[in-house]
Structure formats: C-alpha cells, structure tokens
Amino acid sequence: MKLETKLLNFKLKSPLMAASGPLTSTSENILFFNEINAGALVTKTISSVGADVKKPCIYAEKDMVYNSELWSEDPPEKWINEFLPEIVKKKDKPLIVSVGYNIDDFNNLIPKLDKFADMFEISTHYIKSDLGEVVKTIRKNTDKPIFMKLSPHIQDYIGFTKTILDAGATGVVAINSVGPGIKIDLMNRRLQLGNEDGQVWVSGPAIKPYALQRVRDLRNNFKDIPIISAGGVNNATDVLEFLLAGADSVQMLSSALINGKSLYKKILGDLPLVLEKYNFNSIEEVKNAKLLERNEEDNDYPTIDFDKCKMCLRCVDVCPVFAWEYNDGQLKLNNEKCIKCGTCESRCPVFAISGVLYEI
C-alpha cells in the first residue's frame, strides 16, 4: 500500500503529521517526528515573546483534552539561534513554521524565520487585526506557502477563506481547538485548570465531527486549494475519513496526549491495513475518491441477524420510541413505532443490526 502523498509540490512519506502544540515545542520534540514516517514537521507557534502559561495547563481524558496553553514559552531568539538550525540540519521532511499573532510580530519574525521554513502556518486564535492586512503583511515578507489556521469561533469560514486567499494566503488548516470552556474539579469545588479567566480550550476525538464538517465544506467551496485537517484524529480510520472529506494531509496532537506518542507509529503502521479494509490501494486513491451524499430512500427498517445477536437488549433500552419489544424471550421490531433513526444500529455492541445506517 502506498502511503506517499503530496502537499503542494512537497512529497510527503505519509499524510500524517503532528499539529502545533506541546509535542512540537523544542527541536528534540520535533526531530522525534523526523525519525518516524510522518509527512512533515511542525513547530509550536513562535511569537515575539515567550508565553507566560499558568500551570497546570493540560488535562487529558478519554475523548478530549482541556488546555490553557498559549504559544511557545521559549522566546523567538531560542528558536532562531538554537531549535530551528538544529532541525534544518537534521530533517528530511518539509518544515512548517507556526507564527503569531499581530502585524508587528509578522513584520519582525517572518524575515528571520523565512530561511528555516518550507511553509508557514498562522494561528488565528489571538489575531485582533484586520485579517486581510495580516495576510498581506506575511506575504510581503515571504514567498513561501502560507496556511491560515481556522479557529472554530469564526462562523463565516467561507468568507474567512475568501479573504485570506485574496490577500495572498495559500491554503487553510482546519480546525483549531474549540472553546473557550471550563473544567471543574468537583471534589475541591474549584476550576481544575485555566488561563487568567479560568478558561480552557477543548480538542481531541470529541471535536472530530466538527472538524470533518469544516473540511468537507471548505473542499466543496474551494476545489483546488490545499487543506490540512486538524481536530479529532485518533486512529488510521480517522485519517482516511479526513482525506475523503477533502483534506490533503492530516495533523494530530491531542490523541497522542491521551494515548501516548507511540500512537503516531501505530497509526502509520495501521494505515496499510485500513486502506486494504476499505478497498483502497493508496492514499492518493482516497483523496481522489468522491464522498457521496446520503439519500433518504436508502433508509430502511433495522433488521437483526440473530446468529450475531447476544440478546443483550441494548436496542430495546436505547430505542427513543420504544419500537423494539421483548416479550416471552422474543425480540421484535414494531414497524408502526419505528422511525428509522439508526440509534439501535449504531449502539449494537456486536453489529447484529443493519438496514438503516448500513445496507444489509
């Protein structure tokens, strides 16, 4: 199975890379990804001063990560004089340098970082200036590809994309973490962590559907721009879903905070098997496939395969309209009550139900 793909004119060994964040905060961290089959390298966001982050700043649980991190805690001088020269000397992959956050930062930093970067990624979380002017300022200081990272709080993301492209940006990274929110420590009646306002941002598998929708909608509206997806990747199947939705490559970070850095190697090792499972021969074939719409006429009543069914009766318990009925040892569906919603099929632990979400 061929894992190689392209992002612009850059050849990537695989579609997977780390996202900007704590795992990409030093040259040592970043070079870890150079030693595995990652597609590209990404830095933590570099700004004019090192961030002063209130600790603790990360809380990971099963499906999400709460964080109150900011940009790199190291000043730009350390990146320019130490981290980036070491990375460039040893790397064999494209390097995406993440930079923020205002016009003065970009006028000061982009010229100094340009010789190290193959591409730039610009987080928009803290940008207060006119977006078009920000992109024009960055473009004035570099001829390298510029990816603007979409924050979920931007509602008009189609307008956002038109604005950045008109101003000289190359593509989009979608999406950044969701928020703000809070994390409560109930035992001690206090906030578990947070910034000076007690706020955190949420990332990880829980935001995957939101990120997928943004990627799909961006691709439907902008056929030819490069899109890097970020938000919710947890396994090799997720990688293929983002590519099928329209991404050119895929970033992951939060799931590695939840499950460990070894998850990158696991996903890369699993990709050939998952490609085969879903009848693809290569990553490029996934990217070139068409994501079909769901038609209501495809929707039928759920049917049980009793050879698989363990009579756990979860379908009875989860049915919102009481359509599954269990009497005298017999499990039956009341078609007059059934609304073909798909809940029972999605929650069956042994995949014994089909017909609504999947064809029989």
Protein backbone atom coordinates (compact mmCIF):
# COMPACT_ATOMS: atom_id res chain seq x y z
CA MET A 1 0.00 0.00 0.00
CA LYS A 2 1.32 3.41 -0.97
CA LEU A 3 1.26 5.93 1.90
CA GLU A 4 3.07 8.65 -0.04
CA THR A 5 1.16 11.79 -0.95
CA LYS A 6 1.74 15.40 -1.96
CA LEU A 7 1.07 18.74 -0.31
CA LEU A 8 1.56 21.41 -2.96
CA ASN A 9 4.87 20.40 -4.55
CA PHE A 10 6.18 18.72 -1.42
CA LYS A 11 6.41 14.94 -1.40
CA LEU A 12 5.25 13.50 1.92
CA LYS A 13 6.09 9.98 3.10
CA SER A 14 2.61 9.79 4.63
CA PRO A 15 -0.39 12.09 5.15
CA LEU A 16 0.04 12.24 8.95
CA MET A 17 1.95 14.90 10.87
CA ALA A 18 1.88 16.40 14.35
CA ALA A 19 -0.16 19.53 14.97
CA SER A 20 1.39 22.61 16.52
CA GLY A 21 1.39 22.33 20.30
CA PRO A 22 3.25 20.95 23.33
CA LEU A 23 4.59 17.95 21.40
CA THR A 24 6.31 20.31 18.96
CA SER A 25 7.76 22.74 21.48
CA THR A 26 11.52 22.02 21.09
CA SER A 27 13.92 20.77 18.44
CA GLU A 28 14.17 17.45 20.29
CA ASN A 29 10.40 17.03 20.18
CA ILE A 30 10.16 17.95 16.51
CA LEU A 31 13.01 15.69 15.47
CA PHE A 32 11.14 12.75 17.02
CA PHE A 33 8.72 13.13 14.11
CA ASN A 34 11.60 13.23 11.68
CA GLU A 35 12.57 9.70 12.74
CA ILE A 36 9.16 8.19 12.05
CA ASN A 37 7.22 8.12 8.80
CA ALA A 38 5.46 11.44 9.45
CA GLY A 39 4.69 13.54 6.41
CA ALA A 40 6.04 16.87 7.62
CA LEU A 41 7.36 18.66 10.71
CA VAL A 42 5.50 21.44 12.51
CA THR A 43 6.72 23.88 15.17
CA LYS A 44 4.84 25.22 18.14
CA THR A 45 3.64 28.76 17.45
CA ILE A 46 6.51 31.26 17.73
CA SER A 47 5.68 34.80 18.80
CA SER A 48 7.65 37.93 19.70
CA VAL A 49 7.90 36.95 23.36
CA GLY A 50 7.71 33.62 25.12
CA ALA A 51 4.27 32.83 26.53
CA ASP A 52 3.66 33.01 30.27
CA VAL A 53 1.43 29.98 30.79
CA LYS A 54 -0.41 29.41 34.05
CA LYS A 55 0.18 25.83 35.27
CA PRO A 56 -1.25 23.22 35.20
CA CYS A 57 -2.28 23.75 31.60
CA ILE A 58 -3.29 20.32 30.18
CA TYR A 59 -5.88 17.80 31.35
CA ALA A 60 -6.38 14.70 29.18
CA GLU A 61 -9.26 12.27 29.45
CA LYS A 62 -10.68 9.54 27.22
CA ASP A 63 -12.15 11.60 24.39
CA MET A 64 -10.82 15.11 24.85
CA VAL A 65 -8.04 17.33 26.06
CA TYR A 66 -8.60 20.53 28.00
CA ASN A 67 -5.76 23.01 27.65
CA SER A 68 -4.94 26.55 28.64
CA GLU A 69 -1.68 26.63 26.72
CA LEU A 70 -0.69 29.63 24.63
CA TRP A 71 2.12 29.90 22.10
CA SER A 72 5.72 28.77 22.66
CA GLU A 73 7.08 29.53 26.09
CA ASP A 74 10.52 29.96 24.54
CA PRO A 75 11.37 33.37 23.04
CA PRO A 76 11.94 33.68 19.28
CA GLU A 77 15.69 34.04 19.79
CA LYS A 78 15.91 30.48 21.08
CA TRP A 79 14.07 29.20 18.04
CA ILE A 80 16.16 31.24 15.61
CA ASN A 81 19.53 30.57 17.21
CA GLU A 82 19.09 27.05 18.56
CA PHE A 83 16.00 24.99 17.71
CA LEU A 84 15.48 25.79 14.04
CA PRO A 85 19.14 25.47 12.92
CA GLU A 86 19.28 22.02 14.55
CA ILE A 87 16.02 20.93 12.92
CA VAL A 88 17.04 22.14 9.46
CA LYS A 89 20.41 20.42 9.76
CA LYS A 90 18.86 17.02 10.55
CA LYS A 91 15.45 16.99 8.89
CA ASP A 92 14.48 15.09 5.75
CA LYS A 93 10.89 16.34 5.64
CA PRO A 94 9.23 19.70 4.93
CA LEU A 95 9.13 22.05 7.91
CA ILE A 96 6.01 24.08 8.69
CA VAL A 97 6.82 27.00 10.98
CA SER A 98 3.88 28.25 13.03
CA VAL A 99 3.93 32.00 13.78
CA GLY A 100 1.66 34.54 15.54
CA TYR A 101 -0.07 36.90 16.21
CA ASN A 102 -0.15 40.51 15.03
CA ILE A 103 1.22 42.65 12.22
CA ASP A 104 4.23 43.80 14.26
CA ASP A 105 5.05 40.16 15.07
CA PHE A 106 4.89 39.18 11.42
CA ASN A 107 7.00 42.12 10.22
CA ASN A 108 9.59 41.25 12.84
CA LEU A 109 9.55 37.44 12.77
CA ILE A 110 8.76 36.26 9.25
CA PRO A 111 12.01 37.65 7.72
CA LYS A 112 14.03 35.96 10.47
CA LEU A 113 12.20 32.64 10.18
CA ASP A 114 11.89 32.51 6.41
CA LYS A 115 15.23 30.80 5.76
CA PHE A 116 14.19 27.89 8.01
CA ALA A 117 10.60 27.41 6.81
CA ASP A 118 9.31 25.40 3.88
CA MET A 119 5.81 26.60 4.72
CA PHE A 120 4.20 28.87 7.30
CA GLU A 121 1.16 28.16 9.47
CA ILE A 122 -0.56 31.11 11.11
CA SER A 123 -2.90 30.59 14.05
CA THR A 124 -5.83 33.00 14.09
CA HIS A 125 -6.89 32.35 17.71
CA TYR A 126 -5.49 35.62 19.01
CA ILE A 127 -5.43 37.78 15.86
CA LYS A 128 -7.26 41.04 16.54
CA SER A 129 -6.11 42.94 13.44
CA ASP A 130 -7.80 43.06 10.04
CA LEU A 131 -7.34 39.56 8.63
CA GLY A 132 -6.63 40.68 5.08
CA GLU A 133 -3.94 43.10 6.22
CA VAL A 134 -2.37 40.40 8.38
CA VAL A 135 -2.05 38.05 5.40
CA LYS A 136 -0.73 40.84 3.16
CA THR A 137 1.91 41.62 5.79
CA ILE A 138 3.01 37.99 5.95
CA ARG A 139 3.05 37.69 2.16
CA LYS A 140 5.15 40.84 1.89
CA ASN A 141 7.82 39.12 3.99
CA THR A 142 7.89 35.67 2.35
CA ASP A 143 7.22 33.84 -0.88
CA LYS A 144 6.73 30.54 0.98
CA PRO A 145 3.28 28.88 1.18
CA ILE A 146 1.08 30.40 3.90
CA PHE A 147 -1.56 28.30 5.67
CA MET A 148 -4.02 30.16 7.87
CA LYS A 149 -5.38 28.04 10.73
CA LEU A 150 -9.13 28.31 11.13
CA SER A 151 -10.48 28.88 14.62
CA PRO A 152 -13.89 27.29 15.32
CA HIS A 153 -15.25 30.58 16.66
CA ILE A 154 -15.07 32.00 13.12
CA GLN A 155 -18.63 31.44 11.91
CA ASP A 156 -18.19 32.68 8.34
CA TYR A 157 -15.35 30.34 7.48
CA ILE A 158 -16.14 30.55 3.77
CA GLY A 159 -15.78 34.33 3.92
CA PHE A 160 -12.65 33.86 6.03
CA THR A 161 -11.14 31.66 3.32
CA LYS A 162 -12.02 34.05 0.51
CA THR A 163 -10.44 36.91 2.45
CA ILE A 164 -7.16 35.11 3.12
CA LEU A 165 -6.85 33.79 -0.44
CA ASP A 166 -7.49 37.24 -1.91
CA ALA A 167 -4.79 38.64 0.38
CA GLY A 168 -2.18 36.09 -0.70
CA ALA A 169 -2.58 33.02 1.53
CA THR A 170 -2.06 29.59 0.01
CA GLY A 171 -4.35 27.32 2.00
CA VAL A 172 -6.14 26.50 5.24
CA VAL A 173 -5.54 24.37 8.33
CA ALA A 174 -8.91 23.31 9.78
CA ILE A 175 -9.54 23.42 12.68
CA ASN A 176 -8.04 24.75 15.90
CA SER A 177 -9.29 23.74 19.35
CA VAL A 178 -12.85 24.58 20.42
CA GLY A 179 -13.77 26.96 23.18
CA PRO A 180 -13.47 28.64 25.48
CA GLY A 181 -14.85 26.32 28.14
CA ILE A 182 -14.10 25.37 31.73
CA LYS A 183 -13.01 22.19 33.57
CA ILE A 184 -14.37 21.72 37.10
CA ASP A 185 -12.72 19.81 39.96
CA LEU A 186 -15.91 18.80 41.78
CA MET A 187 -14.20 17.29 44.85
CA ASN A 188 -12.42 20.56 45.66
CA ARG A 189 -15.16 22.88 44.33
CA ARG A 190 -12.77 24.75 42.07
CA LEU A 191 -11.61 25.06 38.48
CA GLN A 192 -9.23 22.25 37.55
CA LEU A 193 -7.08 24.47 35.34
CA GLY A 194 -7.42 27.51 33.12
CA ASN A 195 -5.98 30.80 31.96
CA GLU A 196 -6.29 34.03 33.90
CA ASP A 197 -10.04 33.95 33.20
CA GLY A 198 -10.36 30.29 34.17
CA GLN A 199 -10.91 29.25 30.57
CA VAL A 200 -9.67 26.23 28.65
CA TRP A 201 -9.80 25.09 25.02
CA VAL A 202 -11.01 21.64 24.03
CA SER A 203 -9.50 19.30 21.45
CA GLY A 204 -9.24 15.59 20.73
CA PRO A 205 -11.65 12.93 19.38
CA ALA A 206 -14.68 14.80 20.71
CA ILE A 207 -14.30 17.57 18.10
CA LYS A 208 -13.76 15.28 15.10
CA PRO A 209 -17.29 15.65 13.60
CA TYR A 210 -16.97 19.43 13.79
CA ALA A 211 -13.58 19.37 12.08
CA LEU A 212 -14.77 16.95 9.40
CA GLN A 213 -17.68 19.20 8.52
CA ARG A 214 -15.41 22.22 8.15
CA VAL A 215 -13.02 20.30 5.89
CA ARG A 216 -15.84 18.95 3.72
CA ASP A 217 -17.49 22.35 3.36
CA LEU A 218 -14.21 24.08 2.57
CA ARG A 219 -13.40 21.50 -0.09
CA ASN A 220 -16.85 21.81 -1.65
CA ASN A 221 -16.39 25.58 -1.92
CA PHE A 222 -12.69 25.68 -2.82
CA LYS A 223 -11.86 22.81 -5.16
CA ASP A 224 -8.17 23.50 -5.68
CA ILE A 225 -6.70 24.98 -2.50
CA PRO A 226 -4.52 22.85 -0.20
CA ILE A 227 -6.28 21.92 3.04
CA ILE A 228 -4.57 20.46 6.10
CA SER A 229 -7.04 18.95 8.55
CA ALA A 230 -6.64 19.07 12.33
CA GLY A 231 -9.01 18.12 15.12
CA GLY A 232 -10.05 14.72 16.40
CA VAL A 233 -7.78 12.17 14.70
CA ASN A 234 -7.40 9.11 16.91
CA ASN A 235 -6.69 6.22 14.52
CA ALA A 236 -5.95 5.28 10.91
CA THR A 237 -9.64 5.20 10.01
CA ASP A 238 -9.94 8.85 11.09
CA VAL A 239 -7.06 9.75 8.77
CA LEU A 240 -8.89 8.24 5.79
CA GLU A 241 -12.14 9.98 6.73
CA PHE A 242 -10.46 13.39 6.71
CA LEU A 243 -8.80 12.65 3.36
CA LEU A 244 -12.12 11.50 1.89
CA ALA A 245 -13.77 14.68 3.23
CA GLY A 246 -11.26 16.76 1.27
CA ALA A 247 -8.04 17.15 3.25
CA ASP A 248 -4.64 16.90 1.55
CA SER A 249 -2.87 15.92 4.75
CA VAL A 250 -3.78 15.39 8.39
CA GLN A 251 -2.46 16.73 11.69
CA MET A 252 -2.85 15.07 15.10
CA LEU A 253 -1.75 16.05 18.58
CA SER A 254 -4.37 15.68 21.32
CA SER A 255 -4.89 11.92 20.92
CA ALA A 256 -1.16 11.47 21.49
CA LEU A 257 -1.55 13.36 24.78
CA ILE A 258 -4.37 10.97 25.69
CA ASN A 259 -2.82 7.70 24.48
CA GLY A 260 0.90 8.43 24.19
CA LYS A 261 3.35 9.43 21.45
CA SER A 262 3.51 5.81 20.26
CA LEU A 263 0.08 6.42 18.70
CA TYR A 264 1.75 8.10 15.71
CA LYS A 265 3.69 4.93 14.90
CA LYS A 266 0.60 2.80 15.46
CA ILE A 267 -1.49 4.85 13.05
CA LEU A 268 1.25 4.81 10.42
CA GLY A 269 1.57 1.04 10.86
CA ASP A 270 -2.21 0.56 10.65
CA LEU A 271 -2.76 2.69 7.55
CA PRO A 272 -1.92 -0.07 5.00
CA LEU A 273 -4.37 -2.45 6.72
CA VAL A 274 -7.13 0.14 6.86
CA LEU A 275 -6.57 1.08 3.21
CA GLU A 276 -6.99 -2.58 2.29
CA LYS A 277 -10.07 -2.97 4.52
CA TYR A 278 -11.85 -0.15 2.69
CA ASN A 279 -10.68 -1.24 -0.77
CA PHE A 280 -8.13 1.49 -1.41
CA ASN A 281 -4.69 0.91 -2.92
CA SER A 282 -3.07 4.18 -1.89
CA ILE A 283 -3.52 7.44 -0.01
CA GLU A 284 -3.88 9.25 -3.33
CA GLU A 285 -6.79 6.99 -4.23
CA VAL A 286 -8.59 8.03 -1.05
CA LYS A 287 -8.01 11.71 -1.82
CA ASN A 288 -9.36 11.27 -5.34
CA ALA A 289 -12.48 9.36 -4.24
CA LYS A 290 -15.84 11.14 -4.14
CA LEU A 291 -17.68 11.50 -0.84
CA LEU A 292 -21.30 10.64 -1.63
CA GLU A 293 -24.38 12.18 -0.05
CA ARG A 294 -26.82 10.09 1.97
CA ASN A 295 -30.25 9.76 0.33
CA GLU A 296 -33.40 9.28 2.39
CA GLU A 297 -34.55 6.49 0.08
CA ASP A 298 -31.53 4.48 1.29
CA ASN A 299 -33.14 4.37 4.72
CA ASP A 300 -34.90 1.07 5.60
CA TYR A 301 -36.15 -0.57 8.80
CA PRO A 302 -33.49 -2.16 11.03
CA THR A 303 -33.02 -5.91 10.72
CA ILE A 304 -31.37 -8.23 13.26
CA ASP A 305 -29.01 -11.06 12.42
CA PHE A 306 -29.90 -13.45 15.24
CA ASP A 307 -26.76 -15.50 14.58
CA LYS A 308 -24.80 -12.49 15.85
CA CYS A 309 -27.30 -11.18 18.41
CA LYS A 310 -26.42 -11.89 22.07
CA MET A 311 -29.82 -10.77 23.41
CA CYS A 312 -28.21 -8.03 25.47
CA LEU A 313 -31.33 -5.94 24.74
CA ARG A 314 -29.42 -2.72 24.38
CA CYS A 315 -31.54 -1.98 21.30
CA VAL A 316 -34.65 -2.15 23.48
CA ASP A 317 -33.09 0.15 26.05
CA VAL A 318 -31.78 2.82 23.66
CA CYS A 319 -34.73 2.99 21.24
CA PRO A 320 -36.18 6.51 21.67
CA VAL A 321 -39.68 5.48 20.51
CA PHE A 322 -39.97 2.07 22.25
CA ALA A 323 -40.11 0.28 18.88
CA TRP A 324 -38.03 -2.73 19.93
CA GLU A 325 -40.14 -5.06 22.06
CA TYR A 326 -39.01 -8.08 24.09
CA ASN A 327 -41.70 -10.48 25.27
CA ASP A 328 -41.58 -14.17 26.22
CA GLY A 329 -37.98 -14.47 25.03
CA GLN A 330 -38.78 -12.96 21.63
CA LEU A 331 -37.21 -9.73 20.31
CA LYS A 332 -39.31 -7.98 17.67
CA LEU A 333 -39.49 -4.60 15.95
CA ASN A 334 -42.78 -2.72 15.86
CA ASN A 335 -42.63 -1.08 12.42
CA GLU A 336 -45.53 1.23 13.25
CA LYS A 337 -43.48 2.81 16.01
CA CYS A 338 -40.04 2.66 14.34
CA ILE A 339 -38.87 5.99 12.88
CA LYS A 340 -35.77 4.53 11.17
CA CYS A 341 -33.48 6.80 13.20
CA GLY A 342 -30.47 4.45 13.40
CA THR A 343 -29.88 4.60 17.16
CA CYS A 344 -30.19 0.87 17.73
CA GLU A 345 -27.88 0.05 14.83
CA SER A 346 -25.21 2.48 16.00
CA ARG A 347 -25.29 1.14 19.58
CA CYS A 348 -25.43 -2.61 18.96
CA PRO A 349 -22.21 -3.95 20.56
CA VAL A 350 -21.96 -6.97 18.22
CA PHE A 351 -23.05 -5.25 14.96
CA ALA A 352 -26.05 -7.53 14.64
CA ILE A 353 -28.40 -4.77 13.39
CA SER A 354 -28.31 -3.33 9.86
CA GLY A 355 -30.56 -1.69 7.31
CA VAL A 356 -30.79 1.92 8.49
CA LEU A 357 -27.22 3.19 8.61
CA TYR A 358 -25.68 0.42 6.51
CA GLU A 359 -27.02 -1.73 3.74
CA ILE A 360 -27.99 -5.28 4.67
